[in-house]
Amino acid sequence: MEFLQYLIVCPLVFVAGFVDAIAGGGGLISLPAYLISGIPVHMAIGTNKLSSCMGTALSTIRYGRKGFIPLKLAPFAVVCALAGSTIGAELALLIDDGVFRIVMLFILPLTAAYVLFGRGVSAVEGETQIPFLKTVLVTVLVAFFIGMYDGFYGPGTGTFMILFLVGAGKLRLADANGLSKAMNLSTNVAALTVYLLNGKVIYPLGLAAGAFSILGNYLGTRLFVKNGAKAAKPIILVVLTIFFVKTVLELVQGS
């Protein structure tokens, strides 16, 4: 069973890293991958945070070197993302595993629908700039509340951050993508710390998947383009469909 978990998780985490580096939303692939392999919910989320941290760290460094992370905004974003994600992770651990799985049957399809079919960043990019203080305020709110969502659950975090930073914060797409990586790395680190302290991480699987995530993120950052989300949609839909069907069957059998 453990070998099968590696066969399921590692390739999908590679794809998730590739997708996440381009357009965000990799968690819509990676978290269901862990759950499809039969790992309990909280353990899946914690292990997913480990592999996600590794991949996001690489893409954050690469975007930083390219100058795509606005240094004036990054400190505010990182602090608020750390705080929000810590709160979210603590809340997630209070929910029973079975209840959490039922909640996901509603949250995941809604999240996926918004990410896949909602208004894309290309539709809002290029609008007039706003005062810097307002951009800071938007960044702080996005970092804290989406950070809380990421600590609690996670899929779609990167995409949501980019959408709000471009749409409300009026950042350029490249800057929003870079800043979202710094924020997402912070939320992953904070949530991972909480899950580690509570023994909810499978180290061997998480580290192995993390290596695949790094490779996916590396290739994704090299191919960063605006329409990357379109290329990712079929992959996300297939993985989510498999996860949804499997979860429903498990709930029916359990009852």
Protein backbone atom coordinates (compact mmCIF):
# COMPACT_ATOMS: atom_id res chain seq x y z
CA MET A 1 0.00 0.00 0.00
CA GLU A 2 2.83 2.43 0.83
CA PHE A 3 4.47 1.86 -2.57
CA LEU A 4 1.13 2.52 -4.27
CA GLN A 5 0.84 5.79 -2.34
CA TYR A 6 4.18 6.92 -3.77
CA LEU A 7 3.06 5.95 -7.28
CA ILE A 8 -0.12 8.00 -6.90
CA VAL A 9 1.18 10.99 -4.98
CA CYS A 10 4.60 11.78 -6.48
CA PRO A 11 3.62 12.19 -10.17
CA LEU A 12 0.54 14.24 -9.28
CA VAL A 13 2.54 16.46 -6.92
CA PHE A 14 4.98 17.07 -9.78
CA VAL A 15 2.07 18.22 -11.96
CA ALA A 16 0.72 20.29 -9.06
CA GLY A 17 4.07 22.06 -8.65
CA PHE A 18 4.20 22.81 -12.36
CA VAL A 19 0.66 24.20 -12.38
CA ASP A 20 1.17 26.17 -9.17
CA ALA A 21 4.31 27.89 -10.42
CA ILE A 22 2.48 29.07 -13.54
CA ALA A 23 -0.94 30.10 -12.30
CA GLY A 24 -1.49 28.93 -8.73
CA GLY A 25 -4.05 26.30 -7.77
CA GLY A 26 -1.62 23.39 -7.48
CA GLY A 27 -3.25 22.37 -4.22
CA LEU A 28 -6.35 21.40 -6.20
CA ILE A 29 -4.21 18.54 -7.52
CA SER A 30 -1.77 17.75 -4.70
CA LEU A 31 -4.16 17.50 -1.73
CA PRO A 32 -6.64 15.20 -3.54
CA ALA A 33 -3.63 13.10 -4.62
CA TYR A 34 -2.78 12.37 -0.98
CA LEU A 35 -6.42 11.66 -0.16
CA ILE A 36 -6.91 9.40 -3.18
CA SER A 37 -3.97 7.32 -1.95
CA GLY A 38 -5.89 6.59 1.27
CA ILE A 39 -4.18 8.95 3.74
CA PRO A 40 -6.43 10.39 6.52
CA VAL A 41 -7.47 14.02 6.03
CA HIS A 42 -5.34 15.80 8.65
CA MET A 43 -2.30 13.67 7.83
CA ALA A 44 -2.84 14.39 4.13
CA ILE A 45 -3.02 18.14 4.71
CA GLY A 46 0.09 18.12 6.92
CA THR A 47 2.13 15.99 4.50
CA ASN A 48 0.95 18.11 1.60
CA LYS A 49 2.26 21.19 3.42
CA LEU A 50 5.70 19.59 3.65
CA SER A 51 5.96 18.86 -0.07
CA SER A 52 4.35 22.20 -0.95
CA CYS A 53 6.88 24.08 1.19
CA MET A 54 9.74 22.53 -0.73
CA GLY A 55 8.33 23.36 -4.15
CA THR A 56 7.09 26.83 -3.22
CA ALA A 57 10.46 27.71 -1.69
CA LEU A 58 12.17 27.10 -5.04
CA SER A 59 9.64 29.10 -7.07
CA THR A 60 9.78 31.94 -4.51
CA ILE A 61 13.56 32.14 -4.82
CA ARG A 62 13.40 32.09 -8.61
CA TYR A 63 10.72 34.79 -8.78
CA GLY A 64 12.70 36.84 -6.24
CA ARG A 65 15.83 36.65 -8.37
CA LYS A 66 13.81 37.81 -11.38
CA GLY A 67 12.70 40.87 -9.39
CA PHE A 68 9.03 39.84 -9.34
CA ILE A 69 8.57 40.17 -5.55
CA PRO A 70 7.75 43.79 -4.52
CA LEU A 71 10.09 44.29 -1.56
CA LYS A 72 8.05 47.18 -0.15
CA LEU A 73 5.01 44.92 0.21
CA ALA A 74 6.64 41.61 1.09
CA PRO A 75 7.27 42.21 4.84
CA PHE A 76 3.61 43.15 5.49
CA ALA A 77 2.43 40.18 3.45
CA VAL A 78 4.70 37.63 5.13
CA VAL A 79 3.82 38.62 8.70
CA CYS A 80 0.07 38.57 8.07
CA ALA A 81 0.26 35.33 6.09
CA LEU A 82 2.10 33.61 8.94
CA ALA A 83 -0.50 34.78 11.46
CA GLY A 84 -3.51 33.84 9.35
CA SER A 85 -2.21 30.41 8.40
CA THR A 86 -1.36 29.51 12.00
CA ILE A 87 -4.90 30.32 13.10
CA GLY A 88 -6.38 28.36 10.19
CA ALA A 89 -4.28 25.26 10.88
CA GLU A 90 -5.21 25.26 14.56
CA LEU A 91 -8.90 25.48 13.63
CA ALA A 92 -8.57 22.61 11.13
CA LEU A 93 -7.17 20.28 13.79
CA LEU A 94 -10.27 20.85 15.92
CA ILE A 95 -12.51 19.24 13.26
CA ASP A 96 -13.00 15.47 13.25
CA ASP A 97 -11.47 13.62 10.27
CA GLY A 98 -14.81 12.25 9.06
CA VAL A 99 -16.55 15.61 9.35
CA PHE A 100 -13.68 17.29 7.52
CA ARG A 101 -14.05 14.85 4.61
CA ILE A 102 -17.76 15.71 4.30
CA VAL A 103 -16.95 19.44 4.43
CA MET A 104 -14.47 18.93 1.58
CA LEU A 105 -17.20 17.48 -0.62
CA PHE A 106 -18.72 20.96 -0.64
CA ILE A 107 -15.66 23.22 -0.38
CA LEU A 108 -13.48 21.54 -3.01
CA PRO A 109 -15.94 21.63 -5.94
CA LEU A 110 -16.83 25.25 -5.17
CA THR A 111 -13.16 26.23 -4.97
CA ALA A 112 -12.39 24.37 -8.17
CA ALA A 113 -15.33 25.97 -10.00
CA TYR A 114 -14.18 29.46 -9.06
CA VAL A 115 -10.55 28.81 -9.97
CA LEU A 116 -11.39 27.09 -13.25
CA PHE A 117 -14.31 29.17 -14.49
CA GLY A 118 -14.14 32.45 -12.56
CA ARG A 119 -12.87 35.76 -13.85
CA GLY A 120 -9.21 35.32 -14.80
CA VAL A 121 -6.36 37.66 -13.94
CA SER A 122 -5.99 38.66 -17.58
CA ALA A 123 -9.44 40.24 -17.37
CA VAL A 124 -8.43 42.64 -14.60
CA GLU A 125 -4.76 43.32 -15.30
CA GLY A 126 -3.79 46.69 -16.65
CA GLU A 127 -6.33 48.82 -14.74
CA THR A 128 -5.30 52.15 -13.21
CA GLN A 129 -2.95 52.17 -10.23
CA ILE A 130 -4.11 53.00 -6.71
CA PRO A 131 -2.34 54.77 -3.79
CA PHE A 132 0.44 52.71 -2.20
CA LEU A 133 -1.24 52.66 1.22
CA LYS A 134 -4.37 51.13 -0.30
CA THR A 135 -2.23 48.50 -2.00
CA VAL A 136 -0.64 47.74 1.39
CA LEU A 137 -4.08 47.40 2.97
CA VAL A 138 -5.26 45.03 0.24
CA THR A 139 -2.06 42.99 0.57
CA VAL A 140 -2.43 42.71 4.35
CA LEU A 141 -6.07 41.58 4.13
CA VAL A 142 -5.34 39.09 1.36
CA ALA A 143 -2.34 37.69 3.24
CA PHE A 144 -4.24 37.23 6.50
CA PHE A 145 -7.60 35.90 5.36
CA ILE A 146 -6.44 33.75 2.45
CA GLY A 147 -3.57 32.70 4.68
CA MET A 148 -6.14 31.54 7.21
CA TYR A 149 -7.90 29.58 4.46
CA ASP A 150 -4.59 28.02 3.42
CA GLY A 151 -3.81 26.91 6.96
CA PHE A 152 -7.30 25.49 7.35
CA TYR A 153 -7.56 23.80 3.96
CA GLY A 154 -5.48 25.24 1.13
CA PRO A 155 -6.39 24.30 -2.48
CA GLY A 156 -6.59 27.32 -4.76
CA THR A 157 -4.69 29.61 -2.38
CA GLY A 158 -2.14 30.82 -4.92
CA THR A 159 -4.78 31.59 -7.52
CA PHE A 160 -6.97 33.47 -5.04
CA MET A 161 -3.98 35.54 -3.93
CA ILE A 162 -3.07 36.46 -7.50
CA LEU A 163 -6.66 37.36 -8.39
CA PHE A 164 -7.06 39.70 -5.42
CA LEU A 165 -3.60 41.25 -5.71
CA VAL A 166 -4.19 42.05 -9.39
CA GLY A 167 -7.90 42.87 -9.18
CA ALA A 168 -8.02 44.85 -5.91
CA GLY A 169 -4.36 45.69 -5.32
CA LYS A 170 -3.74 46.64 -8.98
CA LEU A 171 -0.36 44.88 -9.08
CA ARG A 172 1.16 43.73 -12.35
CA LEU A 173 0.58 40.02 -12.97
CA ALA A 174 4.29 39.21 -12.64
CA ASP A 175 4.53 41.10 -9.32
CA ALA A 176 1.31 39.56 -8.02
CA ASN A 177 2.55 36.09 -8.92
CA GLY A 178 5.90 36.70 -7.22
CA LEU A 179 4.33 38.19 -4.10
CA SER A 180 1.80 35.35 -3.92
CA LYS A 181 4.70 32.88 -3.87
CA ALA A 182 6.29 34.66 -0.87
CA MET A 183 2.90 34.73 0.87
CA ASN A 184 2.14 31.11 0.02
CA LEU A 185 5.55 29.99 1.29
CA SER A 186 4.81 31.78 4.57
CA THR A 187 1.38 30.16 4.91
CA ASN A 188 2.85 26.74 4.15
CA VAL A 189 5.63 27.14 6.73
CA ALA A 190 3.22 28.30 9.43
CA ALA A 191 0.70 25.52 8.79
CA LEU A 192 3.45 22.90 8.48
CA THR A 193 4.81 23.93 11.87
CA VAL A 194 1.39 23.40 13.46
CA TYR A 195 0.94 20.00 11.81
CA LEU A 196 4.47 18.92 12.72
CA LEU A 197 3.90 19.79 16.37
CA ASN A 198 0.74 17.68 16.30
CA GLY A 199 2.34 14.66 14.59
CA LYS A 200 0.31 14.99 11.39
CA VAL A 201 3.09 14.64 8.80
CA ILE A 202 4.36 11.52 7.00
CA TYR A 203 8.02 12.47 6.56
CA PRO A 204 9.25 9.92 3.93
CA LEU A 205 6.30 10.47 1.60
CA GLY A 206 6.29 14.23 2.11
CA LEU A 207 10.02 14.56 1.37
CA ALA A 208 9.84 12.30 -1.68
CA ALA A 209 6.83 14.20 -3.03
CA GLY A 210 8.64 17.44 -2.19
CA ALA A 211 11.44 16.52 -4.59
CA PHE A 212 8.84 16.07 -7.34
CA SER A 213 7.23 19.36 -6.34
CA ILE A 214 10.58 21.14 -6.65
CA LEU A 215 11.06 19.75 -10.16
CA GLY A 216 7.53 20.75 -11.16
CA ASN A 217 7.96 24.26 -9.77
CA TYR A 218 11.33 24.63 -11.48
CA LEU A 219 9.88 23.78 -14.89
CA GLY A 220 6.76 25.85 -14.22
CA THR A 221 8.69 29.01 -13.36
CA ARG A 222 10.65 28.64 -16.58
CA LEU A 223 7.43 28.46 -18.58
CA PHE A 224 5.49 31.15 -16.70
CA VAL A 225 2.86 32.56 -19.06
CA LYS A 226 -0.56 34.19 -18.63
CA ASN A 227 -2.55 31.36 -20.16
CA GLY A 228 -0.97 28.69 -17.97
CA ALA A 229 -4.24 28.26 -16.09
CA LYS A 230 -5.99 27.16 -19.30
CA ALA A 231 -3.47 24.37 -19.83
CA ALA A 232 -3.95 23.24 -16.23
CA LYS A 233 -7.75 23.03 -16.30
CA PRO A 234 -8.13 19.53 -17.81
CA ILE A 235 -5.63 18.08 -15.32
CA ILE A 236 -7.35 19.68 -12.35
CA LEU A 237 -10.77 18.49 -13.49
CA VAL A 238 -9.62 14.87 -13.88
CA VAL A 239 -7.96 14.74 -10.45
CA LEU A 240 -10.90 16.40 -8.71
CA THR A 241 -13.39 14.05 -10.36
CA ILE A 242 -11.44 11.00 -9.19
CA PHE A 243 -11.15 12.40 -5.68
CA PHE A 244 -14.84 13.35 -5.50
CA VAL A 245 -16.05 9.92 -6.66
CA LYS A 246 -13.68 8.11 -4.30
CA THR A 247 -14.78 10.20 -1.31
CA VAL A 248 -18.48 9.67 -2.04
CA LEU A 249 -17.96 5.91 -2.34
CA GLU A 250 -16.08 5.81 0.98
CA LEU A 251 -18.83 7.74 2.73
CA VAL A 252 -21.52 5.45 1.29
CA GLN A 253 -19.61 2.30 2.26
CA GLY A 254 -18.93 3.69 5.72
CA SER A 255 -22.59 4.35 6.32
